[in-house]
C-alpha atoms as a PDB file:
ATOM      1  CA  MET A   1      19.729 -53.837 -49.773  1.00  0.00           C
ATOM      2  CA  THR A   2      18.075 -50.428 -49.863  1.00  0.00           C
ATOM      3  CA  TYR A   3      20.758 -49.162 -52.261  1.00  0.00           C
ATOM      4  CA  VAL A   4      19.918 -51.927 -54.724  1.00  0.00           C
ATOM      5  CA  ALA A   5      16.180 -51.263 -54.483  1.00  0.00           C
ATOM      6  CA  THR A   6      16.674 -47.510 -54.755  1.00  0.00           C
ATOM      7  CA  SER A   7      18.885 -47.898 -57.816  1.00  0.00           C
ATOM      8  CA  LEU A   8      16.286 -50.188 -59.423  1.00  0.00           C
ATOM      9  CA  ILE A   9      13.642 -47.515 -58.850  1.00  0.00           C
ATOM     10  CA  VAL A  10      15.923 -44.861 -60.359  1.00  0.00           C
ATOM     11  CA  ILE A  11      16.471 -47.116 -63.398  1.00  0.00           C
ATOM     12  CA  TRP A  12      12.701 -47.579 -63.658  1.00  0.00           C
ATOM     13  CA  VAL A  13      12.089 -43.818 -63.597  1.00  0.00           C
ATOM     14  CA  CYS A  14      14.805 -43.295 -66.231  1.00  0.00           C
ATOM     15  CA  GLY A  15      13.108 -45.957 -68.366  1.00  0.00           C
ATOM     16  CA  ILE A  16       9.774 -44.134 -68.032  1.00  0.00           C
ATOM     17  CA  LEU A  17      11.458 -40.913 -69.144  1.00  0.00           C
ATOM     18  CA  PHE A  18      13.049 -42.707 -72.117  1.00  0.00           C
ATOM     19  CA  PHE A  19       9.757 -44.291 -73.210  1.00  0.00           C
ATOM     20  CA  THR A  20       7.924 -40.990 -72.797  1.00  0.00           C
ATOM     21  CA  GLY A  21      10.459 -39.267 -75.040  1.00  0.00           C
ATOM     22  CA  GLN A  22      10.144 -42.085 -77.549  1.00  0.00           C
ATOM     23  CA  GLN A  23       6.344 -41.710 -77.578  1.00  0.00           C
ATOM     24  CA  LEU A  24       6.639 -37.952 -78.078  1.00  0.00           C
ATOM     25  CA  ASN A  25       9.022 -38.459 -80.998  1.00  0.00           C
ATOM     26  CA  ASP A  26       6.718 -41.101 -82.524  1.00  0.00           C
ATOM     27  CA  MET A  27       3.752 -38.731 -82.328  1.00  0.00           C
ATOM     28  CA  ARG A  28       5.821 -35.926 -83.882  1.00  0.00           C
ATOM     29  CA  VAL A  29       6.710 -38.129 -86.853  1.00  0.00           C
ATOM     30  CA  ILE A  30       3.120 -39.353 -87.204  1.00  0.00           C
ATOM     31  CA  TYR A  31       1.672 -35.834 -87.173  1.00  0.00           C
ATOM     32  CA  ASN A  32       4.232 -34.750 -89.774  1.00  0.00           C
ATOM     33  CA  ASN A  33       3.152 -37.544 -92.148  1.00  0.00           C
ATOM     34  CA  PHE A  34      -0.540 -36.903 -92.723  1.00  0.00           C
ATOM     35  CA  VAL A  35      -1.738 -37.023 -96.334  1.00  0.00           C
ATOM     36  CA  PRO A  36      -2.074 -33.413 -97.558  1.00  0.00           C
ATOM     37  CA  GLY A  37      -5.678 -32.254 -97.310  1.00  0.00           C
ATOM     38  CA  ALA A  38      -6.840 -35.277 -95.283  1.00  0.00           C
ATOM     39  CA  GLN A  39      -9.728 -34.648 -92.914  1.00  0.00           C
ATOM     40  CA  ALA A  40     -10.634 -36.772 -89.899  1.00  0.00           C
ATOM     41  CA  LYS A  41     -14.132 -38.275 -89.943  1.00  0.00           C
ATOM     42  CA  SER A  42     -14.902 -37.106 -86.413  1.00  0.00           C
ATOM     43  CA  ALA A  43     -13.521 -34.345 -84.254  1.00  0.00           C
ATOM     44  CA  GLN A  44     -11.410 -35.340 -81.266  1.00  0.00           C
ATOM     45  CA  PRO A  45     -12.643 -33.997 -77.919  1.00  0.00           C
ATOM     46  CA  SER A  46     -10.082 -32.104 -75.884  1.00  0.00           C
ATOM     47  CA  GLN A  47     -11.280 -32.281 -72.289  1.00  0.00           C
ATOM     48  CA  PRO A  48     -10.079 -34.938 -69.841  1.00  0.00           C
ATOM     49  CA  GLY A  49     -12.707 -36.690 -67.758  1.00  0.00           C
ATOM     50  CA  TRP A  50     -13.209 -37.221 -64.056  1.00  0.00           C
ATOM     51  CA  PRO A  51     -10.394 -39.797 -63.372  1.00  0.00           C
ATOM     52  CA  ARG A  52      -7.644 -37.247 -64.004  1.00  0.00           C
ATOM     53  CA  THR A  53      -9.433 -34.602 -61.969  1.00  0.00           C
ATOM     54  CA  VAL A  54      -9.833 -36.986 -59.016  1.00  0.00           C
ATOM     55  CA  LEU A  55      -6.224 -38.225 -59.264  1.00  0.00           C
ATOM     56  CA  ALA A  56      -4.957 -34.646 -59.075  1.00  0.00           C
ATOM     57  CA  PHE A  57      -5.927 -34.649 -55.372  1.00  0.00           C
ATOM     58  CA  VAL A  58      -4.032 -37.817 -54.370  1.00  0.00           C
ATOM     59  CA  PRO A  59      -1.690 -37.096 -51.406  1.00  0.00           C
ATOM     60  CA  PHE A  60       2.006 -36.625 -52.170  1.00  0.00           C
ATOM     61  CA  ASP A  61       3.418 -39.470 -50.096  1.00  0.00           C
ATOM     62  CA  PRO A  62       4.737 -42.884 -51.250  1.00  0.00           C
ATOM     63  CA  PRO A  63       1.431 -44.806 -50.956  1.00  0.00           C
ATOM     64  CA  GLY A  64      -0.422 -41.876 -52.511  1.00  0.00           C
ATOM     65  CA  LEU A  65       2.030 -41.678 -55.403  1.00  0.00           C
ATOM     66  CA  LEU A  66       1.712 -45.415 -55.947  1.00  0.00           C
ATOM     67  CA  LEU A  67      -2.077 -45.103 -55.922  1.00  0.00           C
ATOM     68  CA  GLY A  68      -1.927 -42.156 -58.319  1.00  0.00           C
ATOM     69  CA  LEU A  69       0.382 -43.953 -60.762  1.00  0.00           C
ATOM     70  CA  LEU A  70      -1.802 -47.045 -60.625  1.00  0.00           C
ATOM     71  CA  GLY A  71      -4.913 -44.966 -61.237  1.00  0.00           C
ATOM     72  CA  LEU A  72      -3.387 -43.177 -64.226  1.00  0.00           C
ATOM     73  CA  LEU A  73      -2.182 -46.482 -65.632  1.00  0.00           C
ATOM     74  CA  LEU A  74      -5.630 -48.042 -65.287  1.00  0.00           C
ATOM     75  CA  ASP A  75      -7.222 -44.903 -66.734  1.00  0.00           C
ATOM     76  CA  ARG A  76      -4.913 -45.112 -69.748  1.00  0.00           C
ATOM     77  CA  ALA A  77      -5.328 -48.839 -70.301  1.00  0.00           C
ATOM     78  CA  PHE A  78      -9.083 -49.170 -69.714  1.00  0.00           C
ATOM     79  CA  ARG A  79     -10.394 -45.782 -70.733  1.00  0.00           C
ATOM     80  CA  HIS A  80     -14.184 -45.625 -71.016  1.00  0.00           C
ATOM     81  CA  GLU A  81     -14.394 -42.019 -72.073  1.00  0.00           C
ATOM     82  CA  PRO A  82     -13.927 -40.500 -75.519  1.00  0.00           C
ATOM     83  CA  PHE A  83     -10.734 -38.541 -74.761  1.00  0.00           C
ATOM     84  CA  ASP A  84      -8.416 -40.268 -77.212  1.00  0.00           C
ATOM     85  CA  GLY A  85      -6.859 -37.263 -78.905  1.00  0.00           C
ATOM     86  CA  TYR A  86      -3.282 -38.031 -77.878  1.00  0.00           C
ATOM     87  CA  ARG A  87      -3.321 -41.810 -78.324  1.00  0.00           C
ATOM     88  CA  ALA A  88      -1.690 -43.287 -81.397  1.00  0.00           C
ATOM     89  CA  SER A  89      -4.326 -46.004 -81.611  1.00  0.00           C
ATOM     90  CA  SER A  90      -7.035 -43.361 -82.206  1.00  0.00           C
ATOM     91  CA  ILE A  91      -5.417 -42.108 -85.426  1.00  0.00           C
ATOM     92  CA  ASP A  92      -6.951 -43.392 -88.654  1.00  0.00           C
ATOM     93  CA  PRO A  93      -4.161 -45.076 -90.698  1.00  0.00           C
ATOM     94  CA  GLU A  94      -5.897 -44.078 -93.948  1.00  0.00           C
ATOM     95  CA  LEU A  95      -5.059 -40.436 -93.220  1.00  0.00           C
ATOM     96  CA  LEU A  96      -1.298 -41.148 -93.124  1.00  0.00           C
ATOM     97  CA  THR A  97       1.421 -41.621 -95.702  1.00  0.00           C
ATOM     98  CA  GLU A  98       3.314 -44.923 -95.802  1.00  0.00           C
ATOM     99  CA  THR A  99       6.011 -43.545 -93.484  1.00  0.00           C
ATOM    100  CA  GLY A 100       3.295 -42.410 -91.073  1.00  0.00           C
ATOM    101  CA  ARG A 101       1.649 -45.850 -91.083  1.00  0.00           C
ATOM    102  CA  VAL A 102       4.948 -47.557 -90.261  1.00  0.00           C
ATOM    103  CA  GLN A 103       5.573 -45.063 -87.463  1.00  0.00           C
ATOM    104  CA  LEU A 104       1.996 -45.526 -86.214  1.00  0.00           C
ATOM    105  CA  ARG A 105       2.539 -49.283 -85.827  1.00  0.00           C
ATOM    106  CA  LYS A 106       5.830 -48.595 -84.004  1.00  0.00           C
ATOM    107  CA  SER A 107       4.160 -46.054 -81.746  1.00  0.00           C
ATOM    108  CA  ILE A 108       1.393 -48.474 -80.749  1.00  0.00           C
ATOM    109  CA  ARG A 109       4.005 -51.148 -79.970  1.00  0.00           C
ATOM    110  CA  HIS A 110       6.078 -48.633 -77.968  1.00  0.00           C
ATOM    111  CA  GLY A 111       2.937 -47.690 -76.020  1.00  0.00           C
ATOM    112  CA  TRP A 112       2.357 -51.307 -74.956  1.00  0.00           C
ATOM    113  CA  ILE A 113       6.029 -51.649 -73.992  1.00  0.00           C
ATOM    114  CA  MET A 114       5.692 -48.512 -71.874  1.00  0.00           C
ATOM    115  CA  ILE A 115       2.583 -49.877 -70.127  1.00  0.00           C
ATOM    116  CA  ALA A 116       4.402 -53.155 -69.396  1.00  0.00           C
ATOM    117  CA  TRP A 117       7.379 -51.183 -68.032  1.00  0.00           C
ATOM    118  CA  MET A 118       5.075 -49.148 -65.783  1.00  0.00           C
ATOM    119  CA  VAL A 119       3.299 -52.250 -64.422  1.00  0.00           C
ATOM    120  CA  GLY A 120       6.635 -53.943 -63.710  1.00  0.00           C
ATOM    121  CA  GLY A 121       7.880 -50.836 -61.942  1.00  0.00           C
ATOM    122  CA  LEU A 122       4.750 -50.515 -59.844  1.00  0.00           C
ATOM    123  CA  VAL A 123       5.212 -54.103 -58.683  1.00  0.00           C
ATOM    124  CA  LEU A 124       8.845 -53.282 -57.879  1.00  0.00           C
ATOM    125  CA  ILE A 125       7.872 -50.183 -55.890  1.00  0.00           C
ATOM    126  CA  ALA A 126       5.151 -52.072 -53.994  1.00  0.00           C
ATOM    127  CA  CYS A 127       7.654 -54.790 -53.064  1.00  0.00           C
ATOM    128  CA  TYR A 128      10.193 -52.157 -52.043  1.00  0.00           C
ATOM    129  CA  PHE A 129       7.772 -50.367 -49.702  1.00  0.00           C
ATOM    130  CA  SER A 130       6.540 -53.618 -48.190  1.00  0.00           C
ATOM    131  CA  PHE A 131      10.192 -54.541 -47.534  1.00  0.00           C
ATOM    132  CA  ILE A 132      10.833 -51.161 -45.902  1.00  0.00           C
ATOM    133  CA  ARG A 133       7.749 -51.470 -43.653  1.00  0.00           C
ATOM    134  CA  SER A 134       8.679 -54.995 -42.547  1.00  0.00           C
ATOM    135  CA  SER A 135      12.239 -53.963 -41.604  1.00  0.00           C
END
């Protein structure tokens, strides 16, 4: 049973790597398709806030990693600070060409798929560790 659970976790991690690469490629295409001479209405801040600083000190053990991943996921989904410089949803579609707008919509959809994948994997990991502790 542990081989099945371990292989599911490995598949989940490979899926995270795939979706991360897909997001990076989407952002590359979006940033290459800005209208020439377009200026953003407001500057994007470049400093992360306190949640990432606090989560950097989470212990490196399975419950700590699970807590850290959950914290980063919640920080990404329910961000209350203005650090949106890397998010596709913070880009103004009027600054993009038609190809950039299409890729922006894809990137936002891929971001939600990635969040759903991460939540599903966190549930899987929590079930796995509760199974291991009960055995």
